[in-house]
C-alpha atoms as a PDB file:
ATOM      1  CA  UNK A   1       0.000   0.000   0.000  1.00  0.00           C
ATOM      2  CA  UNK A   2       1.225   3.517  -0.847  1.00  0.00           C
ATOM      3  CA  UNK A   3       0.175   6.747   0.891  1.00  0.00           C
ATOM      4  CA  UNK A   4      -0.643  10.006  -0.888  1.00  0.00           C
ATOM      5  CA  UNK A   5       2.905  11.194  -0.110  1.00  0.00           C
ATOM      6  CA  UNK A   6       4.418   8.202  -1.898  1.00  0.00           C
ATOM      7  CA  UNK A   7       5.526   6.339   1.215  1.00  0.00           C
ATOM      8  CA  UNK A   8       4.851   2.637   1.583  1.00  0.00           C
ATOM      9  CA  UNK A   9       2.430   1.805   4.371  1.00  0.00           C
ATOM     10  CA  UNK A  10       2.438  -1.454   6.288  1.00  0.00           C
ATOM     11  CA  UNK A  11      -1.179  -2.706   6.456  1.00  0.00           C
ATOM     12  CA  UNK A  12      -2.578  -3.065   9.936  1.00  0.00           C
ATOM     13  CA  UNK A  13      -2.722  -6.608  11.230  1.00  0.00           C
ATOM     14  CA  UNK A  14      -6.183  -8.175  11.556  1.00  0.00           C
ATOM     15  CA  UNK A  15      -6.086  -7.869  15.346  1.00  0.00           C
ATOM     16  CA  UNK A  16      -5.191  -4.174  15.067  1.00  0.00           C
ATOM     17  CA  UNK A  17      -7.747  -3.263  12.416  1.00  0.00           C
ATOM     18  CA  UNK A  18     -10.402  -5.879  13.196  1.00  0.00           C
ATOM     19  CA  UNK A  19     -11.278  -5.531   9.523  1.00  0.00           C
ATOM     20  CA  UNK A  20     -11.800  -9.247   8.985  1.00  0.00           C
ATOM     21  CA  UNK A  21     -14.691 -11.299   7.660  1.00  0.00           C
ATOM     22  CA  UNK A  22     -14.927 -14.969   8.532  1.00  0.00           C
ATOM     23  CA  UNK A  23     -16.081 -16.813   5.393  1.00  0.00           C
ATOM     24  CA  UNK A  24     -17.519 -20.315   5.766  1.00  0.00           C
ATOM     25  CA  UNK A  25     -18.482 -22.452   2.745  1.00  0.00           C
ATOM     26  CA  UNK A  26     -21.185 -25.023   3.464  1.00  0.00           C
ATOM     27  CA  UNK A  27     -22.832 -27.794   1.479  1.00  0.00           C
ATOM     28  CA  UNK A  28     -25.316 -30.125   3.198  1.00  0.00           C
ATOM     29  CA  UNK A  29     -23.902 -29.453   6.650  1.00  0.00           C
ATOM     30  CA  UNK A  30     -27.235 -29.379   8.484  1.00  0.00           C
ATOM     31  CA  UNK A  31     -25.925 -31.241  11.535  1.00  0.00           C
ATOM     32  CA  UNK A  32     -22.840 -29.038  11.876  1.00  0.00           C
ATOM     33  CA  UNK A  33     -24.301 -25.558  11.641  1.00  0.00           C
ATOM     34  CA  UNK A  34     -25.468 -25.021  15.218  1.00  0.00           C
ATOM     35  CA  UNK A  35     -22.255 -26.255  16.931  1.00  0.00           C
ATOM     36  CA  UNK A  36     -20.263 -24.391  14.264  1.00  0.00           C
ATOM     37  CA  UNK A  37     -21.781 -21.003  15.097  1.00  0.00           C
ATOM     38  CA  UNK A  38     -21.490 -21.709  18.811  1.00  0.00           C
ATOM     39  CA  UNK A  39     -17.782 -22.362  18.271  1.00  0.00           C
ATOM     40  CA  UNK A  40     -17.413 -19.157  16.233  1.00  0.00           C
ATOM     41  CA  UNK A  41     -19.006 -17.226  19.079  1.00  0.00           C
ATOM     42  CA  UNK A  42     -16.472 -18.776  21.487  1.00  0.00           C
ATOM     43  CA  UNK A  43     -13.683 -17.586  19.193  1.00  0.00           C
ATOM     44  CA  UNK A  44     -14.968 -14.031  19.454  1.00  0.00           C
ATOM     45  CA  UNK A  45     -15.114 -14.318  23.235  1.00  0.00           C
ATOM     46  CA  UNK A  46     -11.467 -15.437  23.178  1.00  0.00           C
ATOM     47  CA  UNK A  47     -10.481 -12.530  20.936  1.00  0.00           C
ATOM     48  CA  UNK A  48     -12.482  -9.964  22.872  1.00  0.00           C
ATOM     49  CA  UNK A  49     -14.284  -8.635  19.787  1.00  0.00           C
ATOM     50  CA  UNK A  50     -16.828  -9.770  17.204  1.00  0.00           C
ATOM     51  CA  UNK A  51     -16.260 -10.094  13.473  1.00  0.00           C
ATOM     52  CA  UNK A  52     -18.748 -10.401  10.613  1.00  0.00           C
ATOM     53  CA  UNK A  53     -19.358 -13.979   9.463  1.00  0.00           C
ATOM     54  CA  UNK A  54     -20.419 -14.751   5.900  1.00  0.00           C
ATOM     55  CA  UNK A  55     -21.696 -18.296   5.427  1.00  0.00           C
ATOM     56  CA  UNK A  56     -22.098 -19.257   1.774  1.00  0.00           C
ATOM     57  CA  UNK A  57     -24.506 -22.153   1.283  1.00  0.00           C
ATOM     58  CA  UNK A  58     -23.475 -23.777  -1.989  1.00  0.00           C
ATOM     59  CA  UNK A  59     -26.870 -25.187  -2.957  1.00  0.00           C
ATOM     60  CA  UNK A  60     -27.567 -27.456   0.021  1.00  0.00           C
ATOM     61  CA  UNK A  61     -30.415 -29.942  -0.450  1.00  0.00           C
ATOM     62  CA  UNK A  62     -30.774 -31.023   3.191  1.00  0.00           C
ATOM     63  CA  UNK A  63     -32.349 -29.006   6.005  1.00  0.00           C
ATOM     64  CA  UNK A  64     -29.559 -26.403   6.104  1.00  0.00           C
ATOM     65  CA  UNK A  65     -31.786 -23.547   4.954  1.00  0.00           C
ATOM     66  CA  UNK A  66     -34.211 -23.971   7.860  1.00  0.00           C
ATOM     67  CA  UNK A  67     -31.364 -24.211  10.383  1.00  0.00           C
ATOM     68  CA  UNK A  68     -29.699 -21.105   8.953  1.00  0.00           C
ATOM     69  CA  UNK A  69     -32.927 -19.111   9.155  1.00  0.00           C
ATOM     70  CA  UNK A  70     -33.037 -19.845  12.885  1.00  0.00           C
ATOM     71  CA  UNK A  71     -29.345 -19.029  13.352  1.00  0.00           C
ATOM     72  CA  UNK A  72     -29.742 -15.689  11.556  1.00  0.00           C
ATOM     73  CA  UNK A  73     -32.156 -14.637  14.297  1.00  0.00           C
ATOM     74  CA  UNK A  74     -29.759 -15.811  16.996  1.00  0.00           C
ATOM     75  CA  UNK A  75     -26.465 -14.299  15.782  1.00  0.00           C
ATOM     76  CA  UNK A  76     -26.338 -10.680  14.669  1.00  0.00           C
ATOM     77  CA  UNK A  77     -22.859 -11.116  13.178  1.00  0.00           C
ATOM     78  CA  UNK A  78     -24.085 -13.793  10.732  1.00  0.00           C
ATOM     79  CA  UNK A  79     -24.877 -13.187   7.069  1.00  0.00           C
ATOM     80  CA  UNK A  80     -25.923 -15.977   4.702  1.00  0.00           C
ATOM     81  CA  UNK A  81     -25.688 -16.076   0.918  1.00  0.00           C
ATOM     82  CA  UNK A  82     -27.237 -19.071  -0.788  1.00  0.00           C
ATOM     83  CA  UNK A  83     -26.375 -20.427  -4.238  1.00  0.00           C
ATOM     84  CA  UNK A  84     -29.460 -21.859  -5.905  1.00  0.00           C
ATOM     85  CA  UNK A  85     -27.459 -24.927  -6.921  1.00  0.00           C
ATOM     86  CA  UNK A  86     -24.040 -26.398  -6.209  1.00  0.00           C
ATOM     87  CA  UNK A  87     -21.346 -24.360  -7.959  1.00  0.00           C
ATOM     88  CA  UNK A  88     -18.134 -25.554  -6.320  1.00  0.00           C
ATOM     89  CA  UNK A  89     -15.532 -24.065  -3.999  1.00  0.00           C
ATOM     90  CA  UNK A  90     -13.964 -21.767  -6.596  1.00  0.00           C
ATOM     91  CA  UNK A  91     -17.339 -20.122  -7.190  1.00  0.00           C
ATOM     92  CA  UNK A  92     -17.814 -19.802  -3.432  1.00  0.00           C
ATOM     93  CA  UNK A  93     -14.503 -17.916  -3.316  1.00  0.00           C
ATOM     94  CA  UNK A  94     -15.715 -15.610  -6.094  1.00  0.00           C
ATOM     95  CA  UNK A  95     -18.932 -14.939  -4.187  1.00  0.00           C
ATOM     96  CA  UNK A  96     -16.918 -14.148  -1.069  1.00  0.00           C
ATOM     97  CA  UNK A  97     -14.555 -11.774  -2.893  1.00  0.00           C
ATOM     98  CA  UNK A  98     -17.520  -9.966  -4.463  1.00  0.00           C
ATOM     99  CA  UNK A  99     -19.363  -9.475  -1.171  1.00  0.00           C
ATOM    100  CA  UNK A 100     -16.664  -9.009   1.472  1.00  0.00           C
ATOM    101  CA  UNK A 101     -15.510  -5.416   2.038  1.00  0.00           C
ATOM    102  CA  UNK A 102     -13.095  -5.892   4.950  1.00  0.00           C
ATOM    103  CA  UNK A 103      -9.300  -5.847   4.570  1.00  0.00           C
ATOM    104  CA  UNK A 104      -8.926  -9.540   5.387  1.00  0.00           C
ATOM    105  CA  UNK A 105     -10.766 -12.801   4.702  1.00  0.00           C
ATOM    106  CA  UNK A 106     -10.523 -15.633   7.220  1.00  0.00           C
ATOM    107  CA  UNK A 107     -11.474 -18.805   5.335  1.00  0.00           C
ATOM    108  CA  UNK A 108     -12.963 -21.427   7.652  1.00  0.00           C
ATOM    109  CA  UNK A 109     -14.739 -24.795   7.319  1.00  0.00           C
ATOM    110  CA  UNK A 110     -18.249 -25.984   8.170  1.00  0.00           C
ATOM    111  CA  UNK A 111     -17.453 -29.636   8.923  1.00  0.00           C
ATOM    112  CA  UNK A 112     -15.740 -28.817  12.249  1.00  0.00           C
ATOM    113  CA  UNK A 113     -12.536 -30.614  11.244  1.00  0.00           C
ATOM    114  CA  UNK A 114     -11.290 -27.145  12.062  1.00  0.00           C
ATOM    115  CA  UNK A 115     -12.617 -25.794  15.370  1.00  0.00           C
ATOM    116  CA  UNK A 116     -13.204 -22.037  14.971  1.00  0.00           C
ATOM    117  CA  UNK A 117     -12.978 -21.508  18.744  1.00  0.00           C
ATOM    118  CA  UNK A 118      -9.255 -22.279  18.631  1.00  0.00           C
ATOM    119  CA  UNK A 119      -8.324 -21.765  14.991  1.00  0.00           C
ATOM    120  CA  UNK A 120      -9.667 -18.269  14.297  1.00  0.00           C
ATOM    121  CA  UNK A 121      -7.652 -16.748  17.195  1.00  0.00           C
ATOM    122  CA  UNK A 122      -4.593 -18.783  16.128  1.00  0.00           C
ATOM    123  CA  UNK A 123      -4.679 -17.395  12.583  1.00  0.00           C
ATOM    124  CA  UNK A 124      -5.340 -13.805  13.605  1.00  0.00           C
ATOM    125  CA  UNK A 125      -2.750 -13.699  16.379  1.00  0.00           C
ATOM    126  CA  UNK A 126      -0.076 -15.237  14.112  1.00  0.00           C
ATOM    127  CA  UNK A 127      -0.449 -12.434  11.573  1.00  0.00           C
ATOM    128  CA  UNK A 128       2.270  -9.866  12.334  1.00  0.00           C
ATOM    129  CA  UNK A 129       3.105  -6.709  10.346  1.00  0.00           C
ATOM    130  CA  UNK A 130       4.434  -7.590   6.901  1.00  0.00           C
ATOM    131  CA  UNK A 131       2.562 -10.908   6.693  1.00  0.00           C
ATOM    132  CA  UNK A 132       0.160 -11.224   3.758  1.00  0.00           C
ATOM    133  CA  UNK A 133      -1.355 -14.668   4.409  1.00  0.00           C
ATOM    134  CA  UNK A 134      -1.486 -17.160   7.254  1.00  0.00           C
ATOM    135  CA  UNK A 135      -2.189 -20.820   6.459  1.00  0.00           C
ATOM    136  CA  UNK A 136      -3.397 -23.356   8.992  1.00  0.00           C
ATOM    137  CA  UNK A 137      -1.341 -26.569   9.182  1.00  0.00           C
ATOM    138  CA  UNK A 138      -3.385 -29.603  10.256  1.00  0.00           C
ATOM    139  CA  UNK A 139      -1.781 -31.544  13.093  1.00  0.00           C
ATOM    140  CA  UNK A 140      -2.388 -35.294  13.552  1.00  0.00           C
ATOM    141  CA  UNK A 141      -4.486 -35.269  10.417  1.00  0.00           C
ATOM    142  CA  UNK A 142      -6.579 -38.387   9.921  1.00  0.00           C
ATOM    143  CA  UNK A 143      -8.703 -37.790   6.832  1.00  0.00           C
ATOM    144  CA  UNK A 144      -6.795 -40.135   4.493  1.00  0.00           C
ATOM    145  CA  UNK A 145      -5.650 -37.372   2.134  1.00  0.00           C
ATOM    146  CA  UNK A 146      -2.116 -36.866   3.421  1.00  0.00           C
ATOM    147  CA  UNK A 147      -0.266 -38.409   0.451  1.00  0.00           C
ATOM    148  CA  UNK A 148      -2.225 -36.457  -2.136  1.00  0.00           C
ATOM    149  CA  UNK A 149      -1.561 -33.287  -0.153  1.00  0.00           C
ATOM    150  CA  UNK A 150       2.178 -34.025  -0.067  1.00  0.00           C
ATOM    151  CA  UNK A 151       2.294 -34.435  -3.851  1.00  0.00           C
ATOM    152  CA  UNK A 152       0.596 -31.077  -4.405  1.00  0.00           C
ATOM    153  CA  UNK A 153       2.675 -29.285  -1.777  1.00  0.00           C
ATOM    154  CA  UNK A 154       5.934 -30.573  -3.302  1.00  0.00           C
ATOM    155  CA  UNK A 155       4.871 -29.443  -6.761  1.00  0.00           C
ATOM    156  CA  UNK A 156       3.977 -25.979  -5.489  1.00  0.00           C
ATOM    157  CA  UNK A 157       7.240 -25.636  -3.567  1.00  0.00           C
ATOM    158  CA  UNK A 158       9.295 -26.340  -6.702  1.00  0.00           C
ATOM    159  CA  UNK A 159       7.124 -24.527  -9.223  1.00  0.00           C
ATOM    160  CA  UNK A 160       5.968 -21.502  -7.247  1.00  0.00           C
ATOM    161  CA  UNK A 161       8.225 -21.265  -4.190  1.00  0.00           C
ATOM    162  CA  UNK A 162       5.446 -21.904  -1.670  1.00  0.00           C
ATOM    163  CA  UNK A 163       7.115 -23.532   1.305  1.00  0.00           C
ATOM    164  CA  UNK A 164       4.280 -24.558   3.631  1.00  0.00           C
ATOM    165  CA  UNK A 165       2.810 -27.932   4.588  1.00  0.00           C
ATOM    166  CA  UNK A 166      -0.929 -27.406   4.080  1.00  0.00           C
ATOM    167  CA  UNK A 167      -1.955 -24.921   1.414  1.00  0.00           C
ATOM    168  CA  UNK A 168      -5.574 -25.992   0.932  1.00  0.00           C
ATOM    169  CA  UNK A 169      -6.987 -25.559   4.411  1.00  0.00           C
ATOM    170  CA  UNK A 170      -8.150 -22.725   6.640  1.00  0.00           C
ATOM    171  CA  UNK A 171      -6.349 -19.486   5.877  1.00  0.00           C
ATOM    172  CA  UNK A 172      -6.221 -15.754   6.507  1.00  0.00           C
ATOM    173  CA  UNK A 173      -5.644 -13.675   3.370  1.00  0.00           C
ATOM    174  CA  UNK A 174      -5.491  -9.983   2.531  1.00  0.00           C
ATOM    175  CA  UNK A 175      -8.571  -9.345   0.408  1.00  0.00           C
ATOM    176  CA  UNK A 176      -6.839  -6.907  -1.942  1.00  0.00           C
ATOM    177  CA  UNK A 177      -4.397  -9.638  -2.989  1.00  0.00           C
ATOM    178  CA  UNK A 178      -7.292 -11.768  -4.186  1.00  0.00           C
ATOM    179  CA  UNK A 179      -8.133  -9.100  -6.745  1.00  0.00           C
ATOM    180  CA  UNK A 180      -4.735  -9.674  -8.394  1.00  0.00           C
ATOM    181  CA  UNK A 181      -5.426 -13.254  -9.437  1.00  0.00           C
ATOM    182  CA  UNK A 182      -7.921 -14.958 -11.707  1.00  0.00           C
ATOM    183  CA  UNK A 183      -9.518 -17.253  -9.152  1.00  0.00           C
ATOM    184  CA  UNK A 184     -11.306 -19.268 -11.847  1.00  0.00           C
ATOM    185  CA  UNK A 185      -7.886 -20.150 -13.321  1.00  0.00           C
ATOM    186  CA  UNK A 186      -5.713 -20.473 -10.254  1.00  0.00           C
ATOM    187  CA  UNK A 187      -8.635 -22.044  -8.327  1.00  0.00           C
ATOM    188  CA  UNK A 188      -8.884 -22.155  -4.552  1.00  0.00           C
ATOM    189  CA  UNK A 189      -6.409 -25.053  -4.440  1.00  0.00           C
ATOM    190  CA  UNK A 190      -3.418 -23.094  -5.720  1.00  0.00           C
ATOM    191  CA  UNK A 191      -4.316 -19.613  -4.575  1.00  0.00           C
ATOM    192  CA  UNK A 192      -1.543 -19.446  -1.969  1.00  0.00           C
ATOM    193  CA  UNK A 193       0.976 -20.884  -4.432  1.00  0.00           C
ATOM    194  CA  UNK A 194       0.286 -18.107  -6.924  1.00  0.00           C
ATOM    195  CA  UNK A 195       0.454 -15.441  -4.210  1.00  0.00           C
ATOM    196  CA  UNK A 196       3.811 -16.844  -3.056  1.00  0.00           C
ATOM    197  CA  UNK A 197       5.133 -16.760  -6.609  1.00  0.00           C
ATOM    198  CA  UNK A 198       4.070 -13.106  -6.836  1.00  0.00           C
ATOM    199  CA  UNK A 199       6.305 -12.362  -3.860  1.00  0.00           C
ATOM    200  CA  UNK A 200       3.777 -12.147  -1.040  1.00  0.00           C
ATOM    201  CA  UNK A 201       4.809 -13.363   2.401  1.00  0.00           C
ATOM    202  CA  UNK A 202       2.948 -16.453   3.600  1.00  0.00           C
ATOM    203  CA  UNK A 203       3.455 -18.184   6.938  1.00  0.00           C
ATOM    204  CA  UNK A 204       1.763 -21.147   8.570  1.00  0.00           C
ATOM    205  CA  UNK A 205       0.541 -21.895  12.063  1.00  0.00           C
ATOM    206  CA  UNK A 206      -0.133 -25.414  13.451  1.00  0.00           C
ATOM    207  CA  UNK A 207      -3.821 -26.061  14.117  1.00  0.00           C
ATOM    208  CA  UNK A 208      -5.434 -29.170  15.632  1.00  0.00           C
ATOM    209  CA  UNK A 209      -7.349 -31.483  13.298  1.00  0.00           C
ATOM    210  CA  UNK A 210     -10.668 -32.983  14.413  1.00  0.00           C
ATOM    211  CA  UNK A 211     -12.790 -35.753  12.865  1.00  0.00           C
ATOM    212  CA  UNK A 212     -15.801 -34.497  10.947  1.00  0.00           C
ATOM    213  CA  UNK A 213     -18.598 -33.742  13.432  1.00  0.00           C
ATOM    214  CA  UNK A 214     -21.570 -34.684  11.235  1.00  0.00           C
ATOM    215  CA  UNK A 215     -22.331 -35.613   7.631  1.00  0.00           C
ATOM    216  CA  UNK A 216     -19.977 -36.915   4.960  1.00  0.00           C
ATOM    217  CA  UNK A 217     -17.024 -35.503   3.048  1.00  0.00           C
ATOM    218  CA  UNK A 218     -17.771 -33.866  -0.315  1.00  0.00           C
ATOM    219  CA  UNK A 219     -14.420 -34.876  -1.833  1.00  0.00           C
ATOM    220  CA  UNK A 220     -13.790 -38.277  -3.415  1.00  0.00           C
ATOM    221  CA  UNK A 221     -10.998 -39.858  -5.444  1.00  0.00           C
ATOM    222  CA  UNK A 222     -11.842 -37.730  -8.486  1.00  0.00           C
ATOM    223  CA  UNK A 223     -10.373 -34.831  -6.499  1.00  0.00           C
ATOM    224  CA  UNK A 224      -6.880 -36.281  -7.050  1.00  0.00           C
ATOM    225  CA  UNK A 225      -7.163 -36.027 -10.829  1.00  0.00           C
ATOM    226  CA  UNK A 226      -8.852 -32.621 -10.822  1.00  0.00           C
ATOM    227  CA  UNK A 227      -6.158 -31.299  -8.472  1.00  0.00           C
ATOM    228  CA  UNK A 228      -3.429 -32.286 -10.945  1.00  0.00           C
ATOM    229  CA  UNK A 229      -5.359 -30.677 -13.811  1.00  0.00           C
ATOM    230  CA  UNK A 230      -5.861 -27.489 -11.791  1.00  0.00           C
ATOM    231  CA  UNK A 231      -2.136 -27.392 -10.999  1.00  0.00           C
ATOM    232  CA  UNK A 232      -1.308 -27.493 -14.707  1.00  0.00           C
ATOM    233  CA  UNK A 233      -3.791 -24.685 -15.437  1.00  0.00           C
ATOM    234  CA  UNK A 234      -2.415 -22.491 -12.653  1.00  0.00           C
ATOM    235  CA  UNK A 235       1.166 -23.094 -13.743  1.00  0.00           C
ATOM    236  CA  UNK A 236       0.369 -22.359 -17.410  1.00  0.00           C
ATOM    237  CA  UNK A 237      -1.438 -19.125 -16.533  1.00  0.00           C
ATOM    238  CA  UNK A 238       1.323 -17.879 -14.260  1.00  0.00           C
ATOM    239  CA  UNK A 239       4.362 -18.661 -16.411  1.00  0.00           C
ATOM    240  CA  UNK A 240       2.949 -18.051 -19.880  1.00  0.00           C
ATOM    241  CA  UNK A 241       0.318 -15.361 -19.434  1.00  0.00           C
ATOM    242  CA  UNK A 242       1.168 -13.565 -16.216  1.00  0.00           C
ATOM    243  CA  UNK A 243       4.947 -13.159 -16.420  1.00  0.00           C
ATOM    244  CA  UNK A 244       8.008 -14.180 -18.500  1.00  0.00           C
ATOM    245  CA  UNK A 245       9.041 -17.791 -18.171  1.00  0.00           C
ATOM    246  CA  UNK A 246      11.730 -18.550 -15.593  1.00  0.00           C
ATOM    247  CA  UNK A 247      13.669 -21.425 -17.233  1.00  0.00           C
ATOM    248  CA  UNK A 248      14.624 -23.312 -14.054  1.00  0.00           C
ATOM    249  CA  UNK A 249      11.131 -23.207 -12.597  1.00  0.00           C
ATOM    250  CA  UNK A 250       9.746 -24.076 -16.025  1.00  0.00           C
ATOM    251  CA  UNK A 251      11.587 -27.416 -15.958  1.00  0.00           C
ATOM    252  CA  UNK A 252      10.604 -28.090 -12.353  1.00  0.00           C
ATOM    253  CA  UNK A 253       6.976 -27.249 -13.067  1.00  0.00           C
ATOM    254  CA  UNK A 254       6.674 -29.649 -16.008  1.00  0.00           C
ATOM    255  CA  UNK A 255       8.382 -32.416 -14.060  1.00  0.00           C
ATOM    256  CA  UNK A 256       6.281 -32.006 -10.934  1.00  0.00           C
ATOM    257  CA  UNK A 257       2.995 -31.559 -12.822  1.00  0.00           C
ATOM    258  CA  UNK A 258       3.668 -34.854 -14.577  1.00  0.00           C
ATOM    259  CA  UNK A 259       4.540 -36.607 -11.321  1.00  0.00           C
ATOM    260  CA  UNK A 260       1.473 -35.272  -9.547  1.00  0.00           C
ATOM    261  CA  UNK A 261      -0.755 -36.376 -12.404  1.00  0.00           C
ATOM    262  CA  UNK A 262       0.629 -39.923 -12.558  1.00  0.00           C
ATOM    263  CA  UNK A 263       0.690 -40.370  -8.769  1.00  0.00           C
ATOM    264  CA  UNK A 264      -2.827 -39.026  -8.403  1.00  0.00           C
ATOM    265  CA  UNK A 265      -4.045 -41.338 -11.146  1.00  0.00           C
ATOM    266  CA  UNK A 266      -2.314 -44.337  -9.580  1.00  0.00           C
ATOM    267  CA  UNK A 267      -3.730 -43.572  -6.137  1.00  0.00           C
ATOM    268  CA  UNK A 268      -7.212 -43.150  -7.566  1.00  0.00           C
ATOM    269  CA  UNK A 269      -6.851 -46.492  -9.378  1.00  0.00           C
ATOM    270  CA  UNK A 270      -5.830 -48.378  -6.239  1.00  0.00           C
ATOM    271  CA  UNK A 271      -8.575 -46.703  -4.221  1.00  0.00           C
ATOM    272  CA  UNK A 272     -11.061 -47.926  -6.807  1.00  0.00           C
ATOM    273  CA  UNK A 273      -9.692 -51.485  -6.695  1.00  0.00           C
ATOM    274  CA  UNK A 274      -9.776 -51.473  -2.898  1.00  0.00           C
ATOM    275  CA  UNK A 275     -13.398 -50.305  -2.912  1.00  0.00           C
ATOM    276  CA  UNK A 276     -14.477 -52.971  -5.407  1.00  0.00           C
ATOM    277  CA  UNK A 277     -12.840 -55.821  -3.488  1.00  0.00           C
ATOM    278  CA  UNK A 278     -14.503 -55.022  -0.138  1.00  0.00           C
END
């Protein structure tokens, strides 16, 4: 940020400015919504101040709408936007960017694998002056997706310079940085990787992982293949359309994109065989 006198200004941290919106994507999370908002309220009690919460219902077909109508009357900080049909996480991000006006977005989860009571304060308090993004790092993770995550993280470290353990989880991001990227191309999966490649400072903070409270996961084995495809799209956009090619990273990117694709395909194949033989 630059002042009217031409001097660079260090943006206020989220705790200093309190200009943060907690964004929560939700799809058929009827059983999680009430304990989720109770946990968010506990986070605000821990922080000593309240933040706006934007819950984006991505076309739920269960009883989520009725539960949310009740919660809207209970929590003044809650706002709900509902997609008429399922549009996917990238579109949820676009809805958030279009509707949030605060300086920061705190991206949370509705399944309670992340507990807002502990994780929102952890992210906000970790963000010191000069930090552009804070990523949560799941500890003692038990969702069966660790290997796929390692493949993607390795590819992003070599291709984009993102050196964190868990890029596709809860996160705190400066909203203005999101306006610099084409979210439909980079997708939510590789958002932090692109920001790192653009020179923004990203740190991570360990956060406890919890088993899903209610309902079922929305991600299956097809996610492995789509993740590899999305990586290739993000890499192509960044190195060919956004900036001149860096030869060394170009070689690394091709190599790692290929590895991620083959490993993801192999893992998906064995998962399918395992399912069929049970």
